[in-house]
């Protein structure tokens, strides 16, 4: 199974592709859709998101598109732009026949790190570990998109697991922790 994760944004939209084989996630690709060239025309940014997501889907042939849900923002204008960016990506994926799933930022972080309020650095460390990556993705938007894809993988066969402590998280998810010689 190939999973496309999208971290929506109106300036940079992150994407991450993973493949699940024998229930083990494998890194395929990640990057951003850079929308700065259209900073004066928001509608062109939306079109670029739509077209780019369509191209990514055509190239990698994912079965599902997983996207971060919107979250409360004090700035209504930013929230509206983010909602529009999400919509462009969702419509593009739906037009390609993909199943759409959504997770909140806290659900994503909890799935990958065991903590719903983990930092971007903690998320990056864990996705690199879980996907066996050597280099850091160039942008946090791309690593966040990989975390979104991993969240779907970890949650697709089970009801949402509530984890109250790091020890419990390790016990429930031993496959996420890379053993090292000490």
Foldseek 3Di string as FASTA:
>chain_A
DKEWFWEFAQAKIKIFIWDADPLAIAGDDIDIQGQVVPVPPSVVSLVSLLVVLLVVCVVPVDQAYEYEDQDDDPDPVRSVSRVSRVVSNVVSCVVVVHHYHYDHQQLLCCLQQVGSPDDLVSLQVQLCQRNVNDDGHPDSSGSSRSSRRSSCSSPVPHPRDRHDDPVVVCVVCVSSDDDDDD
